[in-house]
Amino acid sequence: MEWVVTLTFIMLALSLLLAFVRLVLGPSLPDRVVALELLALITVAFSVVYAVHVDVAHFLDVALVLALTGFMAAVGFSRFLERGGTRDE
């Protein structure tokens, strides 16, 4: 079981790095918003995998709060873009 958790953390770290590169490089604001959402989702996955690994349910609460915060950020960004926010396309 230990090697599965280690492999999962490595894959999540690699995906976190790739999503961060997309966030920095863009090329447009909607691409950056999607990358930011992906970063939030990967952070939730880190928290869930760690909660399963250490068998502590409190980290699942942290994952839930992170997921809700990420969702609200997505709603805020989409409302901003819908109302004519600046686009760098």
C-alpha atoms as a PDB file:
ATOM      1  CA  MET A   1       0.000   0.000   0.000  1.00  0.00           C
ATOM      2  CA  GLU A   2       2.894   2.356   0.713  1.00  0.00           C
ATOM      3  CA  TRP A   3       4.156   2.317  -2.871  1.00  0.00           C
ATOM      4  CA  VAL A   4       0.668   3.087  -4.195  1.00  0.00           C
ATOM      5  CA  VAL A   5       0.423   6.180  -2.005  1.00  0.00           C
ATOM      6  CA  THR A   6       3.938   7.254  -2.987  1.00  0.00           C
ATOM      7  CA  LEU A   7       3.181   6.798  -6.677  1.00  0.00           C
ATOM      8  CA  THR A   8      -0.064   8.739  -6.281  1.00  0.00           C
ATOM      9  CA  PHE A   9       1.729  11.633  -4.590  1.00  0.00           C
ATOM     10  CA  ILE A  10       4.357  11.688  -7.357  1.00  0.00           C
ATOM     11  CA  MET A  11       1.711  11.764 -10.075  1.00  0.00           C
ATOM     12  CA  LEU A  12      -0.243  14.487  -8.270  1.00  0.00           C
ATOM     13  CA  ALA A  13       2.927  16.550  -7.815  1.00  0.00           C
ATOM     14  CA  LEU A  14       3.724  16.232 -11.516  1.00  0.00           C
ATOM     15  CA  SER A  15       0.203  17.261 -12.482  1.00  0.00           C
ATOM     16  CA  LEU A  16       0.407  20.177 -10.037  1.00  0.00           C
ATOM     17  CA  LEU A  17       3.604  21.337 -11.720  1.00  0.00           C
ATOM     18  CA  LEU A  18       2.099  21.070 -15.209  1.00  0.00           C
ATOM     19  CA  ALA A  19      -1.038  22.947 -14.150  1.00  0.00           C
ATOM     20  CA  PHE A  20       1.114  25.682 -12.628  1.00  0.00           C
ATOM     21  CA  VAL A  21       3.020  26.019 -15.905  1.00  0.00           C
ATOM     22  CA  ARG A  22      -0.309  26.429 -17.737  1.00  0.00           C
ATOM     23  CA  LEU A  23      -1.369  29.023 -15.171  1.00  0.00           C
ATOM     24  CA  VAL A  24       1.782  31.067 -15.721  1.00  0.00           C
ATOM     25  CA  LEU A  25       2.033  30.741 -19.498  1.00  0.00           C
ATOM     26  CA  GLY A  26      -1.597  31.287 -20.356  1.00  0.00           C
ATOM     27  CA  PRO A  27      -2.134  32.179 -23.262  1.00  0.00           C
ATOM     28  CA  SER A  28      -5.565  33.624 -22.374  1.00  0.00           C
ATOM     29  CA  LEU A  29      -7.475  34.450 -19.219  1.00  0.00           C
ATOM     30  CA  PRO A  30      -9.952  31.539 -19.565  1.00  0.00           C
ATOM     31  CA  ASP A  31      -6.980  29.153 -19.858  1.00  0.00           C
ATOM     32  CA  ARG A  32      -5.570  30.568 -16.656  1.00  0.00           C
ATOM     33  CA  VAL A  33      -8.922  30.209 -14.881  1.00  0.00           C
ATOM     34  CA  VAL A  34      -9.157  26.550 -15.892  1.00  0.00           C
ATOM     35  CA  ALA A  35      -5.576  25.989 -14.702  1.00  0.00           C
ATOM     36  CA  LEU A  36      -6.414  27.626 -11.374  1.00  0.00           C
ATOM     37  CA  GLU A  37      -9.415  25.326 -10.991  1.00  0.00           C
ATOM     38  CA  LEU A  38      -7.199  22.356 -11.770  1.00  0.00           C
ATOM     39  CA  LEU A  39      -4.753  23.470  -9.076  1.00  0.00           C
ATOM     40  CA  ALA A  40      -7.589  23.574  -6.564  1.00  0.00           C
ATOM     41  CA  LEU A  41      -8.771  20.116  -7.609  1.00  0.00           C
ATOM     42  CA  ILE A  42      -5.282  18.633  -7.322  1.00  0.00           C
ATOM     43  CA  THR A  43      -4.923  20.174  -3.861  1.00  0.00           C
ATOM     44  CA  VAL A  44      -8.188  18.493  -2.863  1.00  0.00           C
ATOM     45  CA  ALA A  45      -6.844  15.197  -4.209  1.00  0.00           C
ATOM     46  CA  PHE A  46      -3.655  15.629  -2.151  1.00  0.00           C
ATOM     47  CA  SER A  47      -5.727  16.140   0.972  1.00  0.00           C
ATOM     48  CA  VAL A  48      -7.936  13.108   0.286  1.00  0.00           C
ATOM     49  CA  VAL A  49      -5.022  10.789  -0.458  1.00  0.00           C
ATOM     50  CA  TYR A  50      -3.224  11.970   2.665  1.00  0.00           C
ATOM     51  CA  ALA A  51      -6.388  11.450   4.748  1.00  0.00           C
ATOM     52  CA  VAL A  52      -6.677   7.881   3.493  1.00  0.00           C
ATOM     53  CA  HIS A  53      -2.960   7.263   4.035  1.00  0.00           C
ATOM     54  CA  VAL A  54      -2.846   8.430   7.670  1.00  0.00           C
ATOM     55  CA  ASP A  55      -6.421   7.297   8.406  1.00  0.00           C
ATOM     56  CA  VAL A  56      -7.517  10.666   9.794  1.00  0.00           C
ATOM     57  CA  ALA A  57     -10.959  11.811   8.712  1.00  0.00           C
ATOM     58  CA  HIS A  58     -10.379  15.468   9.604  1.00  0.00           C
ATOM     59  CA  PHE A  59      -8.407  15.963   6.408  1.00  0.00           C
ATOM     60  CA  LEU A  60     -11.548  15.108   4.450  1.00  0.00           C
ATOM     61  CA  ASP A  61     -13.156  18.189   5.972  1.00  0.00           C
ATOM     62  CA  VAL A  62     -10.208  20.223   4.717  1.00  0.00           C
ATOM     63  CA  ALA A  63     -10.698  18.718   1.253  1.00  0.00           C
ATOM     64  CA  LEU A  64     -14.379  19.646   1.318  1.00  0.00           C
ATOM     65  CA  VAL A  65     -13.642  23.255   2.254  1.00  0.00           C
ATOM     66  CA  LEU A  66     -10.986  23.479  -0.472  1.00  0.00           C
ATOM     67  CA  ALA A  67     -13.398  22.073  -3.050  1.00  0.00           C
ATOM     68  CA  LEU A  68     -16.134  24.539  -2.089  1.00  0.00           C
ATOM     69  CA  THR A  69     -13.691  27.446  -2.136  1.00  0.00           C
ATOM     70  CA  GLY A  70     -12.458  26.413  -5.581  1.00  0.00           C
ATOM     71  CA  PHE A  71     -16.011  26.185  -6.850  1.00  0.00           C
ATOM     72  CA  MET A  72     -16.864  29.637  -5.555  1.00  0.00           C
ATOM     73  CA  ALA A  73     -13.726  31.037  -7.183  1.00  0.00           C
ATOM     74  CA  ALA A  74     -14.797  29.501 -10.505  1.00  0.00           C
ATOM     75  CA  VAL A  75     -18.219  31.075 -10.188  1.00  0.00           C
ATOM     76  CA  GLY A  76     -16.644  34.445  -9.397  1.00  0.00           C
ATOM     77  CA  PHE A  77     -14.269  34.302 -12.350  1.00  0.00           C
ATOM     78  CA  SER A  78     -17.006  33.240 -14.742  1.00  0.00           C
ATOM     79  CA  ARG A  79     -19.260  36.078 -13.574  1.00  0.00           C
ATOM     80  CA  PHE A  80     -16.381  38.499 -14.065  1.00  0.00           C
ATOM     81  CA  LEU A  81     -15.787  37.281 -17.606  1.00  0.00           C
ATOM     82  CA  GLU A  82     -19.496  37.217 -18.370  1.00  0.00           C
ATOM     83  CA  ARG A  83     -19.922  40.862 -17.402  1.00  0.00           C
ATOM     84  CA  GLY A  84     -17.212  41.932 -19.824  1.00  0.00           C
ATOM     85  CA  GLY A  85     -14.033  41.538 -17.812  1.00  0.00           C
ATOM     86  CA  THR A  86     -10.735  42.139 -19.509  1.00  0.00           C
ATOM     87  CA  ARG A  87      -9.483  39.427 -21.830  1.00  0.00           C
ATOM     88  CA  ASP A  88      -5.917  39.196 -23.048  1.00  0.00           C
ATOM     89  CA  GLU A  89      -6.663  37.310 -26.250  1.00  0.00           C
END
